[in-house]
Amino acid sequence: MKTIYLIALGLVICVQLAVPFRMIRGRERILADGRLYRFKTQPIDPVDPFQGRYVRLRFEADTIACNADRMVELQRKQPIYAVLATDDQGFAHFSDWSNERPADGDFLKVRYQYADQDWIKESKSYVTNGIRIDLPFDRYYMDETKAPRAETLARDATRNSNCWANVRILNGKALIEDVFAEGIPLRELAAKNEE
């Protein structure tokens, strides 16, 4: 009887070690093998009492242009696949979306939020610009003491020049590799200004 309990305990310990190992391995694989995309950002800095200090990022590329007929089938928070493309300056944006996983090309699994519409006074009606999506990456974790300073530097850089995030994407999953303000990594910029 004692042997059965020891075997069961051993299995539980193995499972508890395997789950975080698999999560870490998956994140490392995205960083190593994922294709690099640059997304323009607009940062905000909150505190999460359970996860620590981070720079919250808003991205300019959080909409996908499409006509209203295609949006009829969508429901809020529905997972969809956004097809990635880059503009002339090398920044990422989404060129199309699909309910089915694309067979080729780079894509990101996202959630539909709502229709992006503008009110036209003259015609007294809405014009649909496309759909707004919820990106699966919006937090860049940093050292507790550097995050507020980094967020301020990034916000100032966004006003004066480009601020962007390097994001690795692999098989529909994404991971922020680094955030840049004024062409310098945010961690490095925060460390310089700390001195």
C-alpha atoms as a PDB file:
ATOM      1  CA  MET A   1       0.000   0.000   0.000  1.00  0.00           C
ATOM      2  CA  LYS A   2       2.818   2.360   0.874  1.00  0.00           C
ATOM      3  CA  THR A   3       4.429   1.706  -2.536  1.00  0.00           C
ATOM      4  CA  ILE A   4       1.249   2.747  -4.374  1.00  0.00           C
ATOM      5  CA  TYR A   5       1.196   6.054  -2.495  1.00  0.00           C
ATOM      6  CA  LEU A   6       4.860   6.689  -3.292  1.00  0.00           C
ATOM      7  CA  ILE A   7       4.286   5.925  -6.985  1.00  0.00           C
ATOM      8  CA  ALA A   8       1.234   8.234  -7.035  1.00  0.00           C
ATOM      9  CA  LEU A   9       3.218  10.968  -5.284  1.00  0.00           C
ATOM     10  CA  GLY A  10       6.038  10.548  -7.806  1.00  0.00           C
ATOM     11  CA  LEU A  11       3.590  10.885 -10.713  1.00  0.00           C
ATOM     12  CA  VAL A  12       2.038  14.030  -9.215  1.00  0.00           C
ATOM     13  CA  ILE A  13       5.491  15.588  -8.777  1.00  0.00           C
ATOM     14  CA  CYS A  14       6.428  14.709 -12.387  1.00  0.00           C
ATOM     15  CA  VAL A  15       3.230  16.300 -13.719  1.00  0.00           C
ATOM     16  CA  GLN A  16       3.762  19.428 -11.614  1.00  0.00           C
ATOM     17  CA  LEU A  17       7.279  19.800 -13.004  1.00  0.00           C
ATOM     18  CA  ALA A  18       6.295  18.965 -16.592  1.00  0.00           C
ATOM     19  CA  VAL A  19       3.603  21.654 -16.942  1.00  0.00           C
ATOM     20  CA  PRO A  20       5.794  24.712 -16.247  1.00  0.00           C
ATOM     21  CA  PHE A  21       8.664  23.138 -18.195  1.00  0.00           C
ATOM     22  CA  ARG A  22       6.412  22.774 -21.245  1.00  0.00           C
ATOM     23  CA  MET A  23       5.199  26.383 -20.921  1.00  0.00           C
ATOM     24  CA  ILE A  24       8.760  27.698 -20.683  1.00  0.00           C
ATOM     25  CA  ARG A  25       9.889  25.508 -23.578  1.00  0.00           C
ATOM     26  CA  GLY A  26       7.004  26.801 -25.738  1.00  0.00           C
ATOM     27  CA  ARG A  27       7.909  30.436 -25.018  1.00  0.00           C
ATOM     28  CA  GLU A  28      11.589  29.787 -25.723  1.00  0.00           C
ATOM     29  CA  ARG A  29      10.676  28.112 -29.026  1.00  0.00           C
ATOM     30  CA  ILE A  30       8.694  31.177 -30.107  1.00  0.00           C
ATOM     31  CA  LEU A  31      11.675  33.424 -29.269  1.00  0.00           C
ATOM     32  CA  ALA A  32      14.116  31.151 -31.088  1.00  0.00           C
ATOM     33  CA  ASP A  33      12.100  30.142 -34.167  1.00  0.00           C
ATOM     34  CA  GLY A  34       9.387  32.813 -34.460  1.00  0.00           C
ATOM     35  CA  ARG A  35       9.452  35.383 -37.234  1.00  0.00           C
ATOM     36  CA  LEU A  36      10.196  38.915 -36.046  1.00  0.00           C
ATOM     37  CA  TYR A  37       7.591  41.674 -36.554  1.00  0.00           C
ATOM     38  CA  ARG A  38       7.708  45.292 -35.398  1.00  0.00           C
ATOM     39  CA  PHE A  39       4.472  46.787 -34.053  1.00  0.00           C
ATOM     40  CA  LYS A  40       4.115  50.532 -33.367  1.00  0.00           C
ATOM     41  CA  THR A  41       3.075  51.107 -29.768  1.00  0.00           C
ATOM     42  CA  GLN A  42       1.381  53.575 -27.462  1.00  0.00           C
ATOM     43  CA  PRO A  43       2.396  52.558 -23.895  1.00  0.00           C
ATOM     44  CA  ILE A  44       0.614  52.932 -20.563  1.00  0.00           C
ATOM     45  CA  ASP A  45       2.051  51.713 -17.243  1.00  0.00           C
ATOM     46  CA  PRO A  46      -0.163  49.948 -14.704  1.00  0.00           C
ATOM     47  CA  VAL A  47       0.679  47.721 -11.759  1.00  0.00           C
ATOM     48  CA  ASP A  48      -0.714  44.198 -11.445  1.00  0.00           C
ATOM     49  CA  PRO A  49      -0.575  43.213  -7.758  1.00  0.00           C
ATOM     50  CA  PHE A  50      -0.313  39.524  -8.676  1.00  0.00           C
ATOM     51  CA  GLN A  51       2.146  39.698 -11.574  1.00  0.00           C
ATOM     52  CA  GLY A  52       4.310  42.703 -10.768  1.00  0.00           C
ATOM     53  CA  ARG A  53       5.326  45.797 -12.688  1.00  0.00           C
ATOM     54  CA  TYR A  54       4.952  45.987 -16.429  1.00  0.00           C
ATOM     55  CA  VAL A  55       4.597  48.464 -19.239  1.00  0.00           C
ATOM     56  CA  ARG A  56       1.166  48.037 -20.785  1.00  0.00           C
ATOM     57  CA  LEU A  57       1.260  48.537 -24.529  1.00  0.00           C
ATOM     58  CA  ARG A  58      -1.402  49.675 -26.952  1.00  0.00           C
ATOM     59  CA  PHE A  59      -0.755  48.920 -30.594  1.00  0.00           C
ATOM     60  CA  GLU A  60      -1.676  50.995 -33.617  1.00  0.00           C
ATOM     61  CA  ALA A  61      -2.246  47.815 -35.645  1.00  0.00           C
ATOM     62  CA  ASP A  62      -5.255  46.523 -33.744  1.00  0.00           C
ATOM     63  CA  THR A  63      -7.760  46.720 -36.599  1.00  0.00           C
ATOM     64  CA  ILE A  64      -8.294  44.727 -39.774  1.00  0.00           C
ATOM     65  CA  ALA A  65      -9.921  46.419 -42.754  1.00  0.00           C
ATOM     66  CA  CYS A  66     -12.904  44.523 -44.184  1.00  0.00           C
ATOM     67  CA  ASN A  67     -16.401  45.186 -45.454  1.00  0.00           C
ATOM     68  CA  ALA A  68     -19.488  44.927 -43.267  1.00  0.00           C
ATOM     69  CA  ASP A  69     -20.801  41.813 -45.059  1.00  0.00           C
ATOM     70  CA  ARG A  70     -17.963  39.655 -43.678  1.00  0.00           C
ATOM     71  CA  MET A  71     -18.535  40.833 -40.099  1.00  0.00           C
ATOM     72  CA  VAL A  72     -22.078  39.466 -39.869  1.00  0.00           C
ATOM     73  CA  GLU A  73     -20.769  36.052 -38.825  1.00  0.00           C
ATOM     74  CA  LEU A  74     -18.577  37.379 -35.981  1.00  0.00           C
ATOM     75  CA  GLN A  75     -19.453  37.406 -32.293  1.00  0.00           C
ATOM     76  CA  ARG A  76     -17.633  39.328 -29.566  1.00  0.00           C
ATOM     77  CA  LYS A  77     -14.547  37.513 -28.159  1.00  0.00           C
ATOM     78  CA  GLN A  78     -14.679  34.967 -30.998  1.00  0.00           C
ATOM     79  CA  PRO A  79     -11.219  33.617 -31.901  1.00  0.00           C
ATOM     80  CA  ILE A  80     -10.118  34.387 -35.453  1.00  0.00           C
ATOM     81  CA  TYR A  81      -6.851  34.218 -37.393  1.00  0.00           C
ATOM     82  CA  ALA A  82      -5.333  37.549 -38.461  1.00  0.00           C
ATOM     83  CA  VAL A  83      -2.996  37.472 -41.473  1.00  0.00           C
ATOM     84  CA  LEU A  84       0.211  39.489 -41.005  1.00  0.00           C
ATOM     85  CA  ALA A  85       1.842  41.845 -43.477  1.00  0.00           C
ATOM     86  CA  THR A  86       4.386  44.659 -43.257  1.00  0.00           C
ATOM     87  CA  ASP A  87       4.254  48.211 -44.578  1.00  0.00           C
ATOM     88  CA  ASP A  88       6.975  50.154 -46.447  1.00  0.00           C
ATOM     89  CA  GLN A  89       8.683  51.095 -43.165  1.00  0.00           C
ATOM     90  CA  GLY A  90       8.809  47.486 -41.934  1.00  0.00           C
ATOM     91  CA  PHE A  91       6.021  47.778 -39.364  1.00  0.00           C
ATOM     92  CA  ALA A  92       3.482  44.992 -39.002  1.00  0.00           C
ATOM     93  CA  HIS A  93      -0.223  45.268 -39.705  1.00  0.00           C
ATOM     94  CA  PHE A  94      -3.036  42.859 -40.456  1.00  0.00           C
ATOM     95  CA  SER A  95      -4.118  42.453 -44.074  1.00  0.00           C
ATOM     96  CA  ASP A  96      -6.994  39.991 -43.674  1.00  0.00           C
ATOM     97  CA  TRP A  97      -8.685  37.581 -41.277  1.00  0.00           C
ATOM     98  CA  SER A  98     -10.236  34.139 -41.377  1.00  0.00           C
ATOM     99  CA  ASN A  99     -12.232  31.800 -39.150  1.00  0.00           C
ATOM    100  CA  GLU A 100      -9.983  28.958 -40.307  1.00  0.00           C
ATOM    101  CA  ARG A 101      -6.264  28.643 -39.623  1.00  0.00           C
ATOM    102  CA  PRO A 102      -4.363  29.798 -42.752  1.00  0.00           C
ATOM    103  CA  ALA A 103      -2.480  27.046 -44.605  1.00  0.00           C
ATOM    104  CA  ASP A 104       0.539  29.260 -45.289  1.00  0.00           C
ATOM    105  CA  GLY A 105       2.019  32.629 -44.389  1.00  0.00           C
ATOM    106  CA  ASP A 106       2.311  34.234 -40.985  1.00  0.00           C
ATOM    107  CA  PHE A 107      -0.798  34.683 -38.878  1.00  0.00           C
ATOM    108  CA  LEU A 108      -1.788  35.421 -35.309  1.00  0.00           C
ATOM    109  CA  LYS A 109      -4.651  33.922 -33.332  1.00  0.00           C
ATOM    110  CA  VAL A 110      -6.630  36.883 -31.920  1.00  0.00           C
ATOM    111  CA  ARG A 111     -10.092  37.654 -30.577  1.00  0.00           C
ATOM    112  CA  TYR A 112     -12.687  39.805 -32.336  1.00  0.00           C
ATOM    113  CA  GLN A 113     -13.781  42.776 -30.204  1.00  0.00           C
ATOM    114  CA  TYR A 114     -16.166  44.950 -32.217  1.00  0.00           C
ATOM    115  CA  ALA A 115     -16.770  46.685 -35.529  1.00  0.00           C
ATOM    116  CA  ASP A 116     -14.622  49.772 -36.090  1.00  0.00           C
ATOM    117  CA  GLN A 117     -17.127  52.377 -37.323  1.00  0.00           C
ATOM    118  CA  ASP A 118     -17.267  56.122 -37.970  1.00  0.00           C
ATOM    119  CA  TRP A 119     -20.399  58.274 -37.757  1.00  0.00           C
ATOM    120  CA  ILE A 120     -21.028  60.319 -40.906  1.00  0.00           C
ATOM    121  CA  LYS A 121     -23.066  63.445 -40.086  1.00  0.00           C
ATOM    122  CA  GLU A 122     -24.190  64.152 -43.656  1.00  0.00           C
ATOM    123  CA  SER A 123     -25.727  60.734 -44.250  1.00  0.00           C
ATOM    124  CA  LYS A 124     -26.623  60.191 -40.583  1.00  0.00           C
ATOM    125  CA  SER A 125     -25.250  56.659 -40.680  1.00  0.00           C
ATOM    126  CA  TYR A 126     -22.244  54.601 -39.697  1.00  0.00           C
ATOM    127  CA  VAL A 127     -19.485  53.590 -42.085  1.00  0.00           C
ATOM    128  CA  THR A 128     -17.677  50.377 -41.203  1.00  0.00           C
ATOM    129  CA  ASN A 129     -13.889  50.595 -41.429  1.00  0.00           C
ATOM    130  CA  GLY A 130     -13.193  47.027 -40.354  1.00  0.00           C
ATOM    131  CA  ILE A 131     -12.911  45.049 -37.156  1.00  0.00           C
ATOM    132  CA  ARG A 132     -11.085  45.790 -33.919  1.00  0.00           C
ATOM    133  CA  ILE A 133      -9.161  42.868 -32.432  1.00  0.00           C
ATOM    134  CA  ASP A 134      -7.702  42.015 -29.041  1.00  0.00           C
ATOM    135  CA  LEU A 135      -4.001  41.223 -29.426  1.00  0.00           C
ATOM    136  CA  PRO A 136      -2.638  38.416 -27.210  1.00  0.00           C
ATOM    137  CA  PHE A 137       0.382  40.495 -26.184  1.00  0.00           C
ATOM    138  CA  ASP A 138       0.029  43.817 -24.416  1.00  0.00           C
ATOM    139  CA  ARG A 139       2.322  43.593 -21.384  1.00  0.00           C
ATOM    140  CA  TYR A 140       6.067  44.034 -21.257  1.00  0.00           C
ATOM    141  CA  TYR A 141       7.338  42.987 -17.809  1.00  0.00           C
ATOM    142  CA  MET A 142      10.219  44.863 -16.254  1.00  0.00           C
ATOM    143  CA  ASP A 143      12.055  45.373 -12.994  1.00  0.00           C
ATOM    144  CA  GLU A 144       9.741  46.989 -10.425  1.00  0.00           C
ATOM    145  CA  THR A 145      11.903  50.099 -10.103  1.00  0.00           C
ATOM    146  CA  LYS A 146      12.491  50.616 -13.843  1.00  0.00           C
ATOM    147  CA  ALA A 147       8.971  50.125 -15.233  1.00  0.00           C
ATOM    148  CA  PRO A 148       7.541  53.577 -14.319  1.00  0.00           C
ATOM    149  CA  ARG A 149      10.613  55.362 -15.704  1.00  0.00           C
ATOM    150  CA  ALA A 150      10.582  53.175 -18.842  1.00  0.00           C
ATOM    151  CA  GLU A 151       6.903  53.908 -19.432  1.00  0.00           C
ATOM    152  CA  THR A 152       7.523  57.674 -19.179  1.00  0.00           C
ATOM    153  CA  LEU A 153      10.442  57.430 -21.608  1.00  0.00           C
ATOM    154  CA  ALA A 154       8.398  55.330 -24.029  1.00  0.00           C
ATOM    155  CA  ARG A 155       5.428  57.718 -23.835  1.00  0.00           C
ATOM    156  CA  ASP A 156       7.728  60.686 -24.591  1.00  0.00           C
ATOM    157  CA  ALA A 157       9.350  58.765 -27.456  1.00  0.00           C
ATOM    158  CA  THR A 158       5.919  57.948 -28.894  1.00  0.00           C
ATOM    159  CA  ARG A 159       5.109  61.662 -29.016  1.00  0.00           C
ATOM    160  CA  ASN A 160       8.432  62.669 -30.601  1.00  0.00           C
ATOM    161  CA  SER A 161       9.459  59.656 -32.670  1.00  0.00           C
ATOM    162  CA  ASN A 162       8.802  55.988 -33.129  1.00  0.00           C
ATOM    163  CA  CYS A 163       8.224  53.595 -30.291  1.00  0.00           C
ATOM    164  CA  TRP A 164       7.731  49.953 -31.233  1.00  0.00           C
ATOM    165  CA  ALA A 165       7.770  46.400 -29.933  1.00  0.00           C
ATOM    166  CA  ASN A 166       9.660  43.541 -31.520  1.00  0.00           C
ATOM    167  CA  VAL A 167       7.279  40.593 -31.427  1.00  0.00           C
ATOM    168  CA  ARG A 168       8.147  37.018 -32.382  1.00  0.00           C
ATOM    169  CA  ILE A 169       5.300  35.079 -34.003  1.00  0.00           C
ATOM    170  CA  LEU A 170       5.210  31.318 -34.584  1.00  0.00           C
ATOM    171  CA  ASN A 171       2.204  29.134 -35.456  1.00  0.00           C
ATOM    172  CA  GLY A 172      -0.325  31.775 -34.408  1.00  0.00           C
ATOM    173  CA  LYS A 173       1.310  32.521 -31.047  1.00  0.00           C
ATOM    174  CA  ALA A 174       3.243  35.672 -30.157  1.00  0.00           C
ATOM    175  CA  LEU A 175       5.754  36.853 -27.594  1.00  0.00           C
ATOM    176  CA  ILE A 176       7.207  40.341 -27.058  1.00  0.00           C
ATOM    177  CA  GLU A 177      10.963  40.156 -27.467  1.00  0.00           C
ATOM    178  CA  ASP A 178      11.806  43.777 -26.725  1.00  0.00           C
ATOM    179  CA  VAL A 179      10.333  47.287 -26.738  1.00  0.00           C
ATOM    180  CA  PHE A 180      12.219  50.186 -28.329  1.00  0.00           C
ATOM    181  CA  ALA A 181      11.951  53.927 -27.718  1.00  0.00           C
ATOM    182  CA  GLU A 182      14.039  56.304 -29.832  1.00  0.00           C
ATOM    183  CA  GLY A 183      15.669  53.216 -31.385  1.00  0.00           C
ATOM    184  CA  ILE A 184      17.057  52.029 -28.028  1.00  0.00           C
ATOM    185  CA  PRO A 185      15.763  49.013 -26.057  1.00  0.00           C
ATOM    186  CA  LEU A 186      13.520  50.174 -23.204  1.00  0.00           C
ATOM    187  CA  ARG A 187      15.468  48.292 -20.503  1.00  0.00           C
ATOM    188  CA  GLU A 188      18.702  49.950 -21.654  1.00  0.00           C
ATOM    189  CA  LEU A 189      17.075  53.385 -21.846  1.00  0.00           C
ATOM    190  CA  ALA A 190      15.607  53.028 -18.341  1.00  0.00           C
ATOM    191  CA  ALA A 191      18.977  51.908 -16.956  1.00  0.00           C
ATOM    192  CA  LYS A 192      20.758  54.922 -18.555  1.00  0.00           C
ATOM    193  CA  ASN A 193      18.309  57.415 -17.090  1.00  0.00           C
ATOM    194  CA  GLU A 194      18.515  55.780 -13.676  1.00  0.00           C
ATOM    195  CA  GLU A 195      22.162  56.894 -13.266  1.00  0.00           C
END
